[in-house]
PDB file of N, CA and C in Angstrom:
ATOM      1  N   UNK A   1     -24.758   2.758   2.536  1.00  0.00           N
ATOM      2  CA  UNK A   1     -23.489   3.363   2.179  1.00  0.00           C
ATOM      3  C   UNK A   1     -23.199   3.031   0.714  1.00  0.00           C
ATOM      4  N   UNK A   2     -22.762   3.989  -0.086  1.00  0.00           N
ATOM      5  CA  UNK A   2     -22.469   3.735  -1.500  1.00  0.00           C
ATOM      6  C   UNK A   2     -21.377   2.681  -1.675  1.00  0.00           C
ATOM      7  N   UNK A   3     -21.523   1.918  -2.755  1.00  0.00           N
ATOM      8  CA  UNK A   3     -20.544   0.880  -3.081  1.00  0.00           C
ATOM      9  C   UNK A   3     -19.736   1.303  -4.296  1.00  0.00           C
ATOM     10  N   UNK A   4     -18.480   0.866  -4.308  1.00  0.00           N
ATOM     11  CA  UNK A   4     -17.573   1.185  -5.400  1.00  0.00           C
ATOM     12  C   UNK A   4     -16.806  -0.063  -5.796  1.00  0.00           C
ATOM     13  N   UNK A   5     -16.600  -0.227  -7.102  1.00  0.00           N
ATOM     14  CA  UNK A   5     -15.725  -1.258  -7.627  1.00  0.00           C
ATOM     15  C   UNK A   5     -14.368  -0.622  -7.849  1.00  0.00           C
ATOM     16  N   UNK A   6     -13.367  -1.142  -7.175  1.00  0.00           N
ATOM     17  CA  UNK A   6     -12.003  -0.638  -7.326  1.00  0.00           C
ATOM     18  C   UNK A   6     -11.195  -1.728  -8.019  1.00  0.00           C
ATOM     19  N   UNK A   7     -10.674  -1.397  -9.204  1.00  0.00           N
ATOM     20  CA  UNK A   7      -9.840  -2.328  -9.956  1.00  0.00           C
ATOM     21  C   UNK A   7      -8.408  -1.828  -9.898  1.00  0.00           C
ATOM     22  N   UNK A   8      -7.473  -2.750  -9.668  1.00  0.00           N
ATOM     23  CA  UNK A   8      -6.079  -2.351  -9.575  1.00  0.00           C
ATOM     24  C   UNK A   8      -5.171  -3.205 -10.425  1.00  0.00           C
ATOM     25  N   UNK A   9      -4.164  -2.562 -10.975  1.00  0.00           N
ATOM     26  CA  UNK A   9      -3.106  -3.252 -11.719  1.00  0.00           C
ATOM     27  C   UNK A   9      -1.790  -2.916 -11.038  1.00  0.00           C
ATOM     28  N   UNK A  10      -1.091  -3.939 -10.567  1.00  0.00           N
ATOM     29  CA  UNK A  10       0.167  -3.726  -9.878  1.00  0.00           C
ATOM     30  C   UNK A  10       1.284  -3.398 -10.858  1.00  0.00           C
ATOM     31  N   UNK A  11       2.125  -2.464 -10.469  1.00  0.00           N
ATOM     32  CA  UNK A  11       3.349  -2.172 -11.213  1.00  0.00           C
ATOM     33  C   UNK A  11       4.372  -3.235 -10.820  1.00  0.00           C
ATOM     34  N   UNK A  12       5.507  -3.306 -11.513  1.00  0.00           N
ATOM     35  CA  UNK A  12       6.542  -4.255 -11.082  1.00  0.00           C
ATOM     36  C   UNK A  12       6.936  -4.051  -9.616  1.00  0.00           C
ATOM     37  N   UNK A  13       7.032  -2.800  -9.192  1.00  0.00           N
ATOM     38  CA  UNK A  13       7.360  -2.500  -7.793  1.00  0.00           C
ATOM     39  C   UNK A  13       6.271  -3.010  -6.857  1.00  0.00           C
ATOM     40  N   UNK A  14       5.005  -2.792  -7.236  1.00  0.00           N
ATOM     41  CA  UNK A  14       3.888  -3.267  -6.420  1.00  0.00           C
ATOM     42  C   UNK A  14       3.825  -4.786  -6.358  1.00  0.00           C
ATOM     43  N   UNK A  15       4.140  -5.451  -7.460  1.00  0.00           N
ATOM     44  CA  UNK A  15       4.151  -6.920  -7.474  1.00  0.00           C
ATOM     45  C   UNK A  15       5.213  -7.470  -6.526  1.00  0.00           C
ATOM     46  N   UNK A  16       6.362  -6.812  -6.474  1.00  0.00           N
ATOM     47  CA  UNK A  16       7.412  -7.234  -5.542  1.00  0.00           C
ATOM     48  C   UNK A  16       6.925  -7.094  -4.097  1.00  0.00           C
ATOM     49  N   UNK A  17       6.255  -5.999  -3.804  1.00  0.00           N
ATOM     50  CA  UNK A  17       5.709  -5.798  -2.462  1.00  0.00           C
ATOM     51  C   UNK A  17       4.651  -6.827  -2.128  1.00  0.00           C
ATOM     52  N   UNK A  18       3.810  -7.151  -3.108  1.00  0.00           N
ATOM     53  CA  UNK A  18       2.768  -8.155  -2.907  1.00  0.00           C
ATOM     54  C   UNK A  18       3.387  -9.525  -2.631  1.00  0.00           C
ATOM     55  N   UNK A  19       4.437  -9.860  -3.353  1.00  0.00           N
ATOM     56  CA  UNK A  19       5.115 -11.142  -3.124  1.00  0.00           C
ATOM     57  C   UNK A  19       5.717 -11.190  -1.722  1.00  0.00           C
ATOM     58  N   UNK A  20       6.168 -10.044  -1.228  1.00  0.00           N
ATOM     59  CA  UNK A  20       6.783  -9.975   0.104  1.00  0.00           C
ATOM     60  C   UNK A  20       5.751 -10.113   1.223  1.00  0.00           C
ATOM     61  N   UNK A  21       4.613  -9.392   1.114  1.00  0.00           N
ATOM     62  CA  UNK A  21       3.638  -9.394   2.219  1.00  0.00           C
ATOM     63  C   UNK A  21       2.453 -10.325   2.000  1.00  0.00           C
ATOM     64  N   UNK A  22       2.280 -10.835   0.785  1.00  0.00           N
ATOM     65  CA  UNK A  22       1.193 -11.766   0.505  1.00  0.00           C
ATOM     66  C   UNK A  22      -0.150 -11.071   0.346  1.00  0.00           C
ATOM     67  N   UNK A  23      -1.110 -11.839  -0.144  1.00  0.00           N
ATOM     68  CA  UNK A  23      -2.447 -11.299  -0.375  1.00  0.00           C
ATOM     69  C   UNK A  23      -3.150 -10.883   0.896  1.00  0.00           C
ATOM     70  N   UNK A  24      -2.991 -11.668   1.967  1.00  0.00           N
ATOM     71  CA  UNK A  24      -3.679 -11.318   3.220  1.00  0.00           C
ATOM     72  C   UNK A  24      -3.067 -10.066   3.844  1.00  0.00           C
ATOM     73  N   UNK A  25      -1.776  -9.870   3.656  1.00  0.00           N
ATOM     74  CA  UNK A  25      -1.144  -8.645   4.144  1.00  0.00           C
ATOM     75  C   UNK A  25      -1.659  -7.420   3.411  1.00  0.00           C
ATOM     76  N   UNK A  26      -1.855  -7.565   2.098  1.00  0.00           N
ATOM     77  CA  UNK A  26      -2.385  -6.454   1.306  1.00  0.00           C
ATOM     78  C   UNK A  26      -3.828  -6.174   1.689  1.00  0.00           C
ATOM     79  N   UNK A  27      -4.598  -7.260   1.911  1.00  0.00           N
ATOM     80  CA  UNK A  27      -6.000  -7.080   2.310  1.00  0.00           C
ATOM     81  C   UNK A  27      -6.078  -6.308   3.631  1.00  0.00           C
ATOM     82  N   UNK A  28      -5.216  -6.645   4.580  1.00  0.00           N
ATOM     83  CA  UNK A  28      -5.203  -5.934   5.866  1.00  0.00           C
ATOM     84  C   UNK A  28      -4.897  -4.452   5.658  1.00  0.00           C
ATOM     85  N   UNK A  29      -3.964  -4.149   4.754  1.00  0.00           N
ATOM     86  CA  UNK A  29      -3.625  -2.748   4.479  1.00  0.00           C
ATOM     87  C   UNK A  29      -4.803  -2.014   3.848  1.00  0.00           C
ATOM     88  N   UNK A  30      -5.511  -2.681   2.934  1.00  0.00           N
ATOM     89  CA  UNK A  30      -6.683  -2.074   2.290  1.00  0.00           C
ATOM     90  C   UNK A  30      -7.795  -1.872   3.311  1.00  0.00           C
ATOM     91  N   UNK A  31      -8.024  -2.858   4.173  1.00  0.00           N
ATOM     92  CA  UNK A  31      -9.045  -2.714   5.225  1.00  0.00           C
ATOM     93  C   UNK A  31      -8.752  -1.514   6.119  1.00  0.00           C
ATOM     94  N   UNK A  32      -7.492  -1.348   6.496  1.00  0.00           N
ATOM     95  CA  UNK A  32      -7.099  -0.226   7.351  1.00  0.00           C
ATOM     96  C   UNK A  32      -7.313   1.103   6.631  1.00  0.00           C
ATOM     97  N   UNK A  33      -6.928   1.153   5.355  1.00  0.00           N
ATOM     98  CA  UNK A  33      -7.095   2.384   4.573  1.00  0.00           C
ATOM     99  C   UNK A  33      -8.567   2.750   4.455  1.00  0.00           C
ATOM    100  N   UNK A  34      -9.414   1.766   4.125  1.00  0.00           N
ATOM    101  CA  UNK A  34     -10.844   2.031   3.990  1.00  0.00           C
ATOM    102  C   UNK A  34     -11.468   2.447   5.316  1.00  0.00           C
ATOM    103  N   UNK A  35     -11.073   1.792   6.407  1.00  0.00           N
ATOM    104  CA  UNK A  35     -11.595   2.149   7.727  1.00  0.00           C
ATOM    105  C   UNK A  35     -11.265   3.598   8.067  1.00  0.00           C
ATOM    106  N   UNK A  36     -10.078   4.047   7.670  1.00  0.00           N
ATOM    107  CA  UNK A  36      -9.681   5.436   7.907  1.00  0.00           C
ATOM    108  C   UNK A  36     -10.560   6.432   7.171  1.00  0.00           C
ATOM    109  N   UNK A  37     -11.206   5.970   6.114  1.00  0.00           N
ATOM    110  CA  UNK A  37     -12.127   6.818   5.355  1.00  0.00           C
ATOM    111  C   UNK A  37     -13.579   6.606   5.771  1.00  0.00           C
ATOM    112  N   UNK A  38     -13.802   5.742   6.764  1.00  0.00           N
ATOM    113  CA  UNK A  38     -15.157   5.447   7.203  1.00  0.00           C
ATOM    114  C   UNK A  38     -15.812   4.350   6.381  1.00  0.00           C
ATOM    115  N   UNK A  39     -14.998   3.545   5.674  1.00  0.00           N
ATOM    116  CA  UNK A  39     -15.547   2.501   4.821  1.00  0.00           C
ATOM    117  C   UNK A  39     -15.100   1.119   5.227  1.00  0.00           C
ATOM    118  N   UNK A  40     -15.432   0.129   4.365  1.00  0.00           N
ATOM    119  CA  UNK A  40     -15.033  -1.251   4.625  1.00  0.00           C
ATOM    120  C   UNK A  40     -15.043  -2.042   3.319  1.00  0.00           C
ATOM    121  N   UNK A  41     -14.380  -3.192   3.352  1.00  0.00           N
ATOM    122  CA  UNK A  41     -14.366  -4.100   2.207  1.00  0.00           C
ATOM    123  C   UNK A  41     -15.612  -4.978   2.264  1.00  0.00           C
ATOM    124  N   UNK A  42     -16.294  -5.095   1.146  1.00  0.00           N
ATOM    125  CA  UNK A  42     -17.334  -6.118   1.022  1.00  0.00           C
ATOM    126  C   UNK A  42     -16.696  -7.404   0.515  1.00  0.00           C
ATOM    127  N   UNK A  43     -15.841  -7.274  -0.504  1.00  0.00           N
ATOM    128  CA  UNK A  43     -15.127  -8.434  -1.027  1.00  0.00           C
ATOM    129  C   UNK A  43     -13.859  -7.970  -1.729  1.00  0.00           C
ATOM    130  N   UNK A  44     -12.897  -8.890  -1.823  1.00  0.00           N
ATOM    131  CA  UNK A  44     -11.623  -8.594  -2.483  1.00  0.00           C
ATOM    132  C   UNK A  44     -11.138  -9.872  -3.140  1.00  0.00           C
ATOM    133  N   UNK A  45     -10.789  -9.751  -4.418  1.00  0.00           N
ATOM    134  CA  UNK A  45     -10.310 -10.896  -5.182  1.00  0.00           C
ATOM    135  C   UNK A  45      -9.105 -10.503  -6.019  1.00  0.00           C
ATOM    136  N   UNK A  46      -8.182 -11.429  -6.157  1.00  0.00           N
ATOM    137  CA  UNK A  46      -7.077 -11.288  -7.092  1.00  0.00           C
ATOM    138  C   UNK A  46      -7.472 -11.987  -8.376  1.00  0.00           C
ATOM    139  N   UNK A  47      -6.896 -11.546  -9.503  1.00  0.00           N
ATOM    140  CA  UNK A  47      -7.282 -12.088 -10.794  1.00  0.00           C
ATOM    141  C   UNK A  47      -6.089 -12.111 -11.743  1.00  0.00           C
ATOM    142  N   UNK A  48      -6.275 -12.817 -12.821  1.00  0.00           N
ATOM    143  CA  UNK A  48      -5.310 -12.818 -13.915  1.00  0.00           C
ATOM    144  C   UNK A  48      -5.932 -12.021 -15.053  1.00  0.00           C
ATOM    145  N   UNK A  49      -5.122 -11.306 -15.795  1.00  0.00           N
ATOM    146  CA  UNK A  49      -5.655 -10.535 -16.917  1.00  0.00           C
ATOM    147  C   UNK A  49      -5.249  -9.082 -16.821  1.00  0.00           C
ATOM    148  N   UNK A  50      -6.088  -8.216 -17.376  1.00  0.00           N
ATOM    149  CA  UNK A  50      -5.773  -6.784 -17.425  1.00  0.00           C
ATOM    150  C   UNK A  50      -5.685  -6.165 -16.031  1.00  0.00           C
ATOM    151  N   UNK A  51      -6.476  -6.654 -15.097  1.00  0.00           N
ATOM    152  CA  UNK A  51      -6.458  -6.154 -13.722  1.00  0.00           C
ATOM    153  C   UNK A  51      -6.001  -7.261 -12.789  1.00  0.00           C
ATOM    154  N   UNK A  52      -5.273  -6.878 -11.743  1.00  0.00           N
ATOM    155  CA  UNK A  52      -4.719  -7.848 -10.796  1.00  0.00           C
ATOM    156  C   UNK A  52      -5.557  -8.034  -9.546  1.00  0.00           C
ATOM    157  N   UNK A  53      -6.342  -7.010  -9.196  1.00  0.00           N
ATOM    158  CA  UNK A  53      -7.123  -7.072  -7.964  1.00  0.00           C
ATOM    159  C   UNK A  53      -8.442  -6.333  -8.168  1.00  0.00           C
ATOM    160  N   UNK A  54      -9.495  -6.894  -7.571  1.00  0.00           N
ATOM    161  CA  UNK A  54     -10.823  -6.294  -7.590  1.00  0.00           C
ATOM    162  C   UNK A  54     -11.309  -6.181  -6.151  1.00  0.00           C
ATOM    163  N   UNK A  55     -11.780  -4.993  -5.787  1.00  0.00           N
ATOM    164  CA  UNK A  55     -12.320  -4.768  -4.450  1.00  0.00           C
ATOM    165  C   UNK A  55     -13.696  -4.133  -4.602  1.00  0.00           C
ATOM    166  N   UNK A  56     -14.671  -4.685  -3.905  1.00  0.00           N
ATOM    167  CA  UNK A  56     -15.949  -3.991  -3.769  1.00  0.00           C
ATOM    168  C   UNK A  56     -15.928  -3.395  -2.370  1.00  0.00           C
ATOM    169  N   UNK A  57     -16.014  -2.073  -2.329  1.00  0.00           N
ATOM    170  CA  UNK A  57     -15.870  -1.341  -1.075  1.00  0.00           C
ATOM    171  C   UNK A  57     -17.098  -0.503  -0.786  1.00  0.00           C
ATOM    172  N   UNK A  58     -17.446  -0.424   0.487  1.00  0.00           N
ATOM    173  CA  UNK A  58     -18.454   0.518   0.973  1.00  0.00           C
ATOM    174  C   UNK A  58     -17.698   1.745   1.451  1.00  0.00           C
ATOM    175  N   UNK A  59     -18.062   2.897   0.914  1.00  0.00           N
ATOM    176  CA  UNK A  59     -17.460   4.170   1.342  1.00  0.00           C
ATOM    177  C   UNK A  59     -18.572   5.168   1.592  1.00  0.00           C
ATOM    178  N   UNK A  60     -18.356   6.120   2.498  1.00  0.00           N
ATOM    179  CA  UNK A  60     -19.441   7.037   2.860  1.00  0.00           C
ATOM    180  C   UNK A  60     -19.905   7.953   1.727  1.00  0.00           C
ATOM    181  N   UNK A  61     -19.010   8.275   0.770  1.00  0.00           N
ATOM    182  CA  UNK A  61     -19.380   9.233  -0.272  1.00  0.00           C
ATOM    183  C   UNK A  61     -18.354   9.205  -1.396  1.00  0.00           C
ATOM    184  N   UNK A  62     -18.667   9.922  -2.457  1.00  0.00           N
ATOM    185  CA  UNK A  62     -17.796   9.965  -3.633  1.00  0.00           C
ATOM    186  C   UNK A  62     -16.461  10.643  -3.321  1.00  0.00           C
ATOM    187  N   UNK A  63     -16.458  11.639  -2.445  1.00  0.00           N
ATOM    188  CA  UNK A  63     -15.189  12.307  -2.139  1.00  0.00           C
ATOM    189  C   UNK A  63     -14.217  11.352  -1.444  1.00  0.00           C
ATOM    190  N   UNK A  64     -14.735  10.431  -0.659  1.00  0.00           N
ATOM    191  CA  UNK A  64     -13.863   9.425  -0.036  1.00  0.00           C
ATOM    192  C   UNK A  64     -13.284   8.494  -1.096  1.00  0.00           C
ATOM    193  N   UNK A  65     -14.093   8.126  -2.090  1.00  0.00           N
ATOM    194  CA  UNK A  65     -13.608   7.280  -3.181  1.00  0.00           C
ATOM    195  C   UNK A  65     -12.535   7.998  -3.993  1.00  0.00           C
ATOM    196  N   UNK A  66     -12.733   9.280  -4.235  1.00  0.00           N
ATOM    197  CA  UNK A  66     -11.733  10.065  -4.970  1.00  0.00           C
ATOM    198  C   UNK A  66     -10.441  10.171  -4.161  1.00  0.00           C
ATOM    199  N   UNK A  67     -10.557  10.412  -2.869  1.00  0.00           N
ATOM    200  CA  UNK A  67      -9.369  10.501  -2.009  1.00  0.00           C
ATOM    201  C   UNK A  67      -8.581   9.198  -2.038  1.00  0.00           C
ATOM    202  N   UNK A  68      -9.285   8.066  -1.960  1.00  0.00           N
ATOM    203  CA  UNK A  68      -8.648   6.753  -2.039  1.00  0.00           C
ATOM    204  C   UNK A  68      -7.901   6.602  -3.360  1.00  0.00           C
ATOM    205  N   UNK A  69      -8.554   6.906  -4.445  1.00  0.00           N
ATOM    206  CA  UNK A  69      -7.957   6.771  -5.770  1.00  0.00           C
ATOM    207  C   UNK A  69      -6.739   7.670  -5.932  1.00  0.00           C
ATOM    208  N   UNK A  70      -6.857   8.907  -5.504  1.00  0.00           N
ATOM    209  CA  UNK A  70      -5.727   9.847  -5.616  1.00  0.00           C
ATOM    210  C   UNK A  70      -4.524   9.371  -4.802  1.00  0.00           C
ATOM    211  N   UNK A  71      -4.777   8.940  -3.575  1.00  0.00           N
ATOM    212  CA  UNK A  71      -3.671   8.499  -2.712  1.00  0.00           C
ATOM    213  C   UNK A  71      -2.961   7.287  -3.296  1.00  0.00           C
ATOM    214  N   UNK A  72      -3.726   6.300  -3.751  1.00  0.00           N
ATOM    215  CA  UNK A  72      -3.112   5.085  -4.300  1.00  0.00           C
ATOM    216  C   UNK A  72      -2.392   5.372  -5.611  1.00  0.00           C
ATOM    217  N   UNK A  73      -3.012   6.152  -6.480  1.00  0.00           N
ATOM    218  CA  UNK A  73      -2.402   6.435  -7.778  1.00  0.00           C
ATOM    219  C   UNK A  73      -1.210   7.378  -7.680  1.00  0.00           C
ATOM    220  N   UNK A  74      -1.079   8.090  -6.573  1.00  0.00           N
ATOM    221  CA  UNK A  74       0.088   8.959  -6.376  1.00  0.00           C
ATOM    222  C   UNK A  74       1.328   8.146  -6.023  1.00  0.00           C
ATOM    223  N   UNK A  75       1.138   6.909  -5.584  1.00  0.00           N
ATOM    224  CA  UNK A  75       2.253   6.028  -5.254  1.00  0.00           C
ATOM    225  C   UNK A  75       2.752   5.300  -6.490  1.00  0.00           C
ATOM    226  N   UNK A  76       3.714   4.438  -6.281  1.00  0.00           N
ATOM    227  CA  UNK A  76       4.342   3.747  -7.411  1.00  0.00           C
ATOM    228  C   UNK A  76       3.960   2.274  -7.498  1.00  0.00           C
ATOM    229  N   UNK A  77       3.065   1.786  -6.636  1.00  0.00           N
ATOM    230  CA  UNK A  77       2.823   0.352  -6.559  1.00  0.00           C
ATOM    231  C   UNK A  77       1.640  -0.180  -7.329  1.00  0.00           C
ATOM    232  N   UNK A  78       0.649   0.656  -7.574  1.00  0.00           N
ATOM    233  CA  UNK A  78      -0.578   0.168  -8.202  1.00  0.00           C
ATOM    234  C   UNK A  78      -1.245   1.308  -8.961  1.00  0.00           C
ATOM    235  N   UNK A  79      -1.984   0.956  -9.987  1.00  0.00           N
ATOM    236  CA  UNK A  79      -2.816   1.916 -10.706  1.00  0.00           C
ATOM    237  C   UNK A  79      -4.257   1.475 -10.515  1.00  0.00           C
ATOM    238  N   UNK A  80      -5.058   2.367  -9.928  1.00  0.00           N
ATOM    239  CA  UNK A  80      -6.462   2.045  -9.619  1.00  0.00           C
ATOM    240  C   UNK A  80      -7.414   2.741 -10.571  1.00  0.00           C
ATOM    241  N   UNK A  81      -8.534   2.102 -10.805  1.00  0.00           N
ATOM    242  CA  UNK A  81      -9.686   2.783 -11.387  1.00  0.00           C
ATOM    243  C   UNK A  81     -10.860   2.467 -10.468  1.00  0.00           C
ATOM    244  N   UNK A  82     -11.698   3.457 -10.243  1.00  0.00           N
ATOM    245  CA  UNK A  82     -12.787   3.331  -9.279  1.00  0.00           C
ATOM    246  C   UNK A  82     -14.106   3.635  -9.980  1.00  0.00           C
ATOM    247  N   UNK A  83     -15.071   2.739  -9.820  1.00  0.00           N
ATOM    248  CA  UNK A  83     -16.368   2.881 -10.472  1.00  0.00           C
ATOM    249  C   UNK A  83     -17.472   2.863  -9.421  1.00  0.00           C
ATOM    250  N   UNK A  84     -18.309   3.903  -9.372  1.00  0.00           N
ATOM    251  CA  UNK A  84     -19.465   3.854  -8.474  1.00  0.00           C
ATOM    252  C   UNK A  84     -20.423   2.754  -8.938  1.00  0.00           C
ATOM    253  N   UNK A  85     -20.935   1.982  -7.995  1.00  0.00           N
ATOM    254  CA  UNK A  85     -21.890   0.923  -8.318  1.00  0.00           C
ATOM    255  C   UNK A  85     -23.299   1.392  -7.977  1.00  0.00           C
ATOM    256  N   UNK A  86     -24.247   1.000  -8.802  1.00  0.00           N
ATOM    257  CA  UNK A  86     -25.635   1.437  -8.655  1.00  0.00           C
ATOM    258  C   UNK A  86     -26.470   0.229  -8.230  1.00  0.00           C
ATOM    259  N   UNK A  87     -27.179   0.361  -7.129  1.00  0.00           N
ATOM    260  CA  UNK A  87     -28.011  -0.748  -6.643  1.00  0.00           C
ATOM    261  C   UNK A  87     -29.258  -0.884  -7.517  1.00  0.00           C
ATOM    262  N   UNK A  88     -29.907  -2.024  -7.413  1.00  0.00           N
ATOM    263  CA  UNK A  88     -31.166  -2.263  -8.121  1.00  0.00           C
ATOM    264  C   UNK A  88     -32.189  -1.217  -7.719  1.00  0.00           C
ATOM    265  N   UNK A  89     -32.255  -0.918  -6.431  1.00  0.00           N
ATOM    266  CA  UNK A  89     -33.219   0.069  -5.928  1.00  0.00           C
ATOM    267  C   UNK A  89     -32.925   1.470  -6.480  1.00  0.00           C
ATOM    268  N   UNK A  90     -31.650   1.822  -6.575  1.00  0.00           N
ATOM    269  CA  UNK A  90     -31.294   3.137  -7.136  1.00  0.00           C
ATOM    270  C   UNK A  90     -31.673   3.209  -8.612  1.00  0.00           C
ATOM    271  N   UNK A  91     -31.463   2.118  -9.347  1.00  0.00           N
ATOM    272  CA  UNK A  91     -31.860   2.099 -10.748  1.00  0.00           C
ATOM    273  C   UNK A  91     -33.370   2.212 -10.881  1.00  0.00           C
ATOM    274  N   UNK A  92     -34.103   1.489 -10.026  1.00  0.00           N
ATOM    275  CA  UNK A  92     -35.567   1.591 -10.044  1.00  0.00           C
ATOM    276  C   UNK A  92     -36.007   3.029  -9.802  1.00  0.00           C
ATOM    277  N   UNK A  93     -35.391   3.706  -8.844  1.00  0.00           N
ATOM    278  CA  UNK A  93     -35.748   5.102  -8.556  1.00  0.00           C
ATOM    279  C   UNK A  93     -35.424   5.998  -9.753  1.00  0.00           C
ATOM    280  N   UNK A  94     -34.322   5.721 -10.423  1.00  0.00           N
ATOM    281  CA  UNK A  94     -33.939   6.526 -11.582  1.00  0.00           C
ATOM    282  C   UNK A  94     -34.935   6.373 -12.723  1.00  0.00           C
ATOM    283  N   UNK A  95     -35.478   5.170 -12.894  1.00  0.00           N
ATOM    284  CA  UNK A  95     -36.439   4.954 -13.982  1.00  0.00           C
ATOM    285  C   UNK A  95     -37.747   5.705 -13.753  1.00  0.00           C
ATOM    286  N   UNK A  96     -37.995   6.129 -12.548  1.00  0.00           N
ATOM    287  CA  UNK A  96     -39.229   6.839 -12.223  1.00  0.00           C
ATOM    288  C   UNK A  96     -39.068   8.363 -12.327  1.00  0.00           C
ATOM    289  N   UNK A  97     -37.849   8.834 -12.563  1.00  0.00           N
ATOM    290  CA  UNK A  97     -37.621  10.275 -12.692  1.00  0.00           C
ATOM    291  C   UNK A  97     -37.933  10.729 -14.115  1.00  0.00           C
ATOM    292  N   UNK A  98     -38.539  11.881 -14.224  1.00  0.00           N
ATOM    293  CA  UNK A  98     -38.846  12.462 -15.524  1.00  0.00           C
ATOM    294  C   UNK A  98     -37.669  13.331 -15.962  1.00  0.00           C
ATOM    295  N   UNK A  99     -37.223  13.129 -17.188  1.00  0.00           N
ATOM    296  CA  UNK A  99     -36.090  13.879 -17.725  1.00  0.00           C
ATOM    297  C   UNK A  99     -36.533  14.560 -19.004  1.00  0.00           C
ATOM    298  N   UNK A 100     -36.338  15.864 -19.085  1.00  0.00           N
ATOM    299  CA  UNK A 100     -36.692  16.620 -20.281  1.00  0.00           C
ATOM    300  C   UNK A 100     -35.527  16.574 -21.267  1.00  0.00           C
ATOM    301  N   UNK A 101     -35.422  15.444 -22.001  1.00  0.00           N
ATOM    302  CA  UNK A 101     -34.311  15.232 -22.926  1.00  0.00           C
ATOM    303  C   UNK A 101     -34.806  15.436 -24.360  1.00  0.00           C
ATOM    304  N   UNK A 102     -33.936  16.062 -25.157  1.00  0.00           N
ATOM    305  CA  UNK A 102     -34.192  16.215 -26.585  1.00  0.00           C
ATOM    306  C   UNK A 102     -32.962  15.708 -27.304  1.00  0.00           C
ATOM    307  N   UNK A 103     -33.141  14.814 -28.263  1.00  0.00           N
ATOM    308  CA  UNK A 103     -32.024  14.280 -29.034  1.00  0.00           C
ATOM    309  C   UNK A 103     -31.384  15.387 -29.866  1.00  0.00           C
ATOM    310  N   UNK A 104     -30.075  15.327 -30.084  1.00  0.00           N
ATOM    311  CA  UNK A 104     -29.421  16.348 -30.917  1.00  0.00           C
ATOM    312  C   UNK A 104     -30.075  16.435 -32.296  1.00  0.00           C
ATOM    313  N   UNK A 105     -30.392  17.643 -32.718  1.00  0.00           N
ATOM    314  CA  UNK A 105     -30.989  17.863 -34.035  1.00  0.00           C
ATOM    315  C   UNK A 105     -32.476  17.585 -34.122  1.00  0.00           C
ATOM    316  N   UNK A 106     -33.073  17.135 -33.020  1.00  0.00           N
ATOM    317  CA  UNK A 106     -34.499  16.801 -33.077  1.00  0.00           C
ATOM    318  C   UNK A 106     -35.370  18.023 -32.867  1.00  0.00           C
TER     319      UNK A 106
END
């Protein structure tokens, strides 16, 4: 199943909600949301800095990742960015593909 890195930054409203339900409450909500899309959490961490939360999630496909991002970003509590992760094996397979590339102006 494809993996995605989901980074989130809580808004002031989202931070208030997080303080009310705690980190484990938020994790349960994320687990439920991902399960509804046919996915699951591999890991979830809170952080200090530009992003407040990091989730590595297994999701069945890119459209599920887009649906997750759209739903969360349509709300007022968090701003997400979602990055598809590439496995070592996928990178190895990519290095074996032939690409007919020509540099601009070459």
